N, C-alpha and C. Protein backbone atom coordinates (compact mmCIF):
# COMPACT_ATOMS: atom_id res chain seq x y z
N MET A 1 4.09 -26.04 25.24
CA MET A 1 3.57 -24.73 25.57
C MET A 1 4.16 -23.69 24.61
N PRO A 2 3.32 -22.88 23.96
CA PRO A 2 3.85 -21.88 23.04
C PRO A 2 4.68 -20.83 23.77
N THR A 3 5.70 -20.40 23.10
CA THR A 3 6.54 -19.35 23.68
C THR A 3 5.93 -17.99 23.37
N ILE A 4 6.50 -16.96 23.96
CA ILE A 4 6.01 -15.60 23.73
C ILE A 4 6.20 -15.19 22.26
N ALA A 5 7.17 -15.79 21.59
CA ALA A 5 7.40 -15.48 20.17
C ALA A 5 6.19 -15.86 19.33
N HIS A 6 5.49 -16.94 19.72
CA HIS A 6 4.30 -17.34 18.96
C HIS A 6 3.22 -16.28 19.06
N PHE A 7 3.10 -15.66 20.21
CA PHE A 7 2.06 -14.65 20.40
C PHE A 7 2.38 -13.36 19.66
N ILE A 8 3.61 -13.19 19.23
CA ILE A 8 3.99 -12.02 18.43
C ILE A 8 4.04 -12.38 16.95
N TYR A 9 4.64 -13.54 16.64
CA TYR A 9 4.87 -13.94 15.25
C TYR A 9 3.56 -14.26 14.52
N ILE A 10 2.70 -15.06 15.11
CA ILE A 10 1.49 -15.51 14.42
C ILE A 10 0.55 -14.34 14.12
N PRO A 11 0.20 -13.48 15.07
CA PRO A 11 -0.64 -12.32 14.71
C PRO A 11 0.04 -11.38 13.72
N GLY A 12 1.37 -11.28 13.82
CA GLY A 12 2.09 -10.43 12.86
C GLY A 12 1.95 -10.94 11.44
N ILE A 13 2.12 -12.24 11.26
CA ILE A 13 1.96 -12.84 9.93
C ILE A 13 0.52 -12.69 9.44
N MET A 14 -0.44 -12.84 10.35
CA MET A 14 -1.84 -12.67 9.96
C MET A 14 -2.11 -11.24 9.49
N LEU A 15 -1.55 -10.26 10.19
CA LEU A 15 -1.73 -8.87 9.79
C LEU A 15 -1.08 -8.58 8.44
N VAL A 16 0.08 -9.17 8.20
CA VAL A 16 0.73 -9.01 6.90
C VAL A 16 -0.16 -9.60 5.80
N GLY A 17 -0.73 -10.77 6.04
CA GLY A 17 -1.62 -11.39 5.05
C GLY A 17 -2.86 -10.57 4.79
N ILE A 18 -3.43 -9.99 5.85
CA ILE A 18 -4.61 -9.14 5.68
C ILE A 18 -4.25 -7.90 4.86
N ALA A 19 -3.10 -7.30 5.14
CA ALA A 19 -2.68 -6.10 4.42
C ALA A 19 -2.46 -6.42 2.93
N ILE A 20 -1.79 -7.52 2.64
CA ILE A 20 -1.55 -7.90 1.25
C ILE A 20 -2.87 -8.18 0.55
N GLY A 21 -3.77 -8.88 1.21
CA GLY A 21 -5.08 -9.17 0.62
C GLY A 21 -5.88 -7.90 0.35
N PHE A 22 -5.79 -6.93 1.26
CA PHE A 22 -6.49 -5.67 1.07
C PHE A 22 -5.96 -4.93 -0.15
N VAL A 23 -4.64 -4.87 -0.29
CA VAL A 23 -4.02 -4.17 -1.42
C VAL A 23 -4.39 -4.85 -2.74
N VAL A 24 -4.28 -6.17 -2.79
CA VAL A 24 -4.59 -6.91 -4.02
C VAL A 24 -6.07 -6.78 -4.36
N GLY A 25 -6.94 -6.88 -3.35
CA GLY A 25 -8.37 -6.76 -3.58
C GLY A 25 -8.77 -5.37 -4.04
N ALA A 26 -8.16 -4.35 -3.45
CA ALA A 26 -8.47 -2.97 -3.86
C ALA A 26 -8.03 -2.72 -5.30
N ARG A 27 -6.88 -3.27 -5.66
CA ARG A 27 -6.40 -3.10 -7.04
C ARG A 27 -7.35 -3.79 -8.02
N ALA A 28 -7.81 -4.99 -7.68
CA ALA A 28 -8.73 -5.72 -8.55
C ALA A 28 -10.06 -4.97 -8.67
N ALA A 29 -10.54 -4.39 -7.57
CA ALA A 29 -11.79 -3.63 -7.61
C ALA A 29 -11.64 -2.39 -8.49
N ARG A 30 -10.51 -1.69 -8.36
CA ARG A 30 -10.29 -0.50 -9.21
C ARG A 30 -10.23 -0.90 -10.69
N ASN A 31 -9.55 -2.00 -11.00
CA ASN A 31 -9.48 -2.45 -12.39
C ASN A 31 -10.86 -2.82 -12.92
N GLU A 32 -11.67 -3.46 -12.10
CA GLU A 32 -13.01 -3.85 -12.52
C GLU A 32 -13.90 -2.63 -12.75
N ILE A 33 -13.80 -1.64 -11.89
CA ILE A 33 -14.57 -0.41 -12.06
C ILE A 33 -14.15 0.31 -13.34
N ALA A 34 -12.85 0.37 -13.60
CA ALA A 34 -12.36 1.01 -14.82
C ALA A 34 -12.85 0.27 -16.06
N ARG A 35 -12.82 -1.07 -16.00
CA ARG A 35 -13.28 -1.85 -17.15
C ARG A 35 -14.77 -1.66 -17.38
N ALA A 36 -15.54 -1.62 -16.30
CA ALA A 36 -16.97 -1.45 -16.43
C ALA A 36 -17.32 -0.06 -16.99
N SER A 37 -16.61 0.95 -16.53
CA SER A 37 -16.90 2.30 -17.03
C SER A 37 -16.48 2.44 -18.49
N LYS A 38 -15.41 1.77 -18.87
CA LYS A 38 -14.97 1.81 -20.29
C LYS A 38 -16.01 1.12 -21.15
N THR A 39 -16.58 0.01 -20.66
CA THR A 39 -17.62 -0.71 -21.41
C THR A 39 -18.89 0.14 -21.53
N ARG A 40 -19.24 0.88 -20.48
CA ARG A 40 -20.45 1.71 -20.50
C ARG A 40 -20.31 2.89 -21.46
N LYS A 41 -19.10 3.40 -21.65
CA LYS A 41 -18.89 4.55 -22.54
C LYS A 41 -19.12 4.20 -24.00
N ARG A 42 -18.96 2.94 -24.34
CA ARG A 42 -19.11 2.54 -25.75
C ARG A 42 -20.54 2.57 -26.21
């Protein structure tokens, strides 16, 4: 039977993973937009 720590630890780790993925994905999207706009200016 899972302890109460599992109900705190597992969702906490999932939220940390979602936050890290959001930050990395947003950075990649910003870099792609900057690259595309630089290519369009040429």
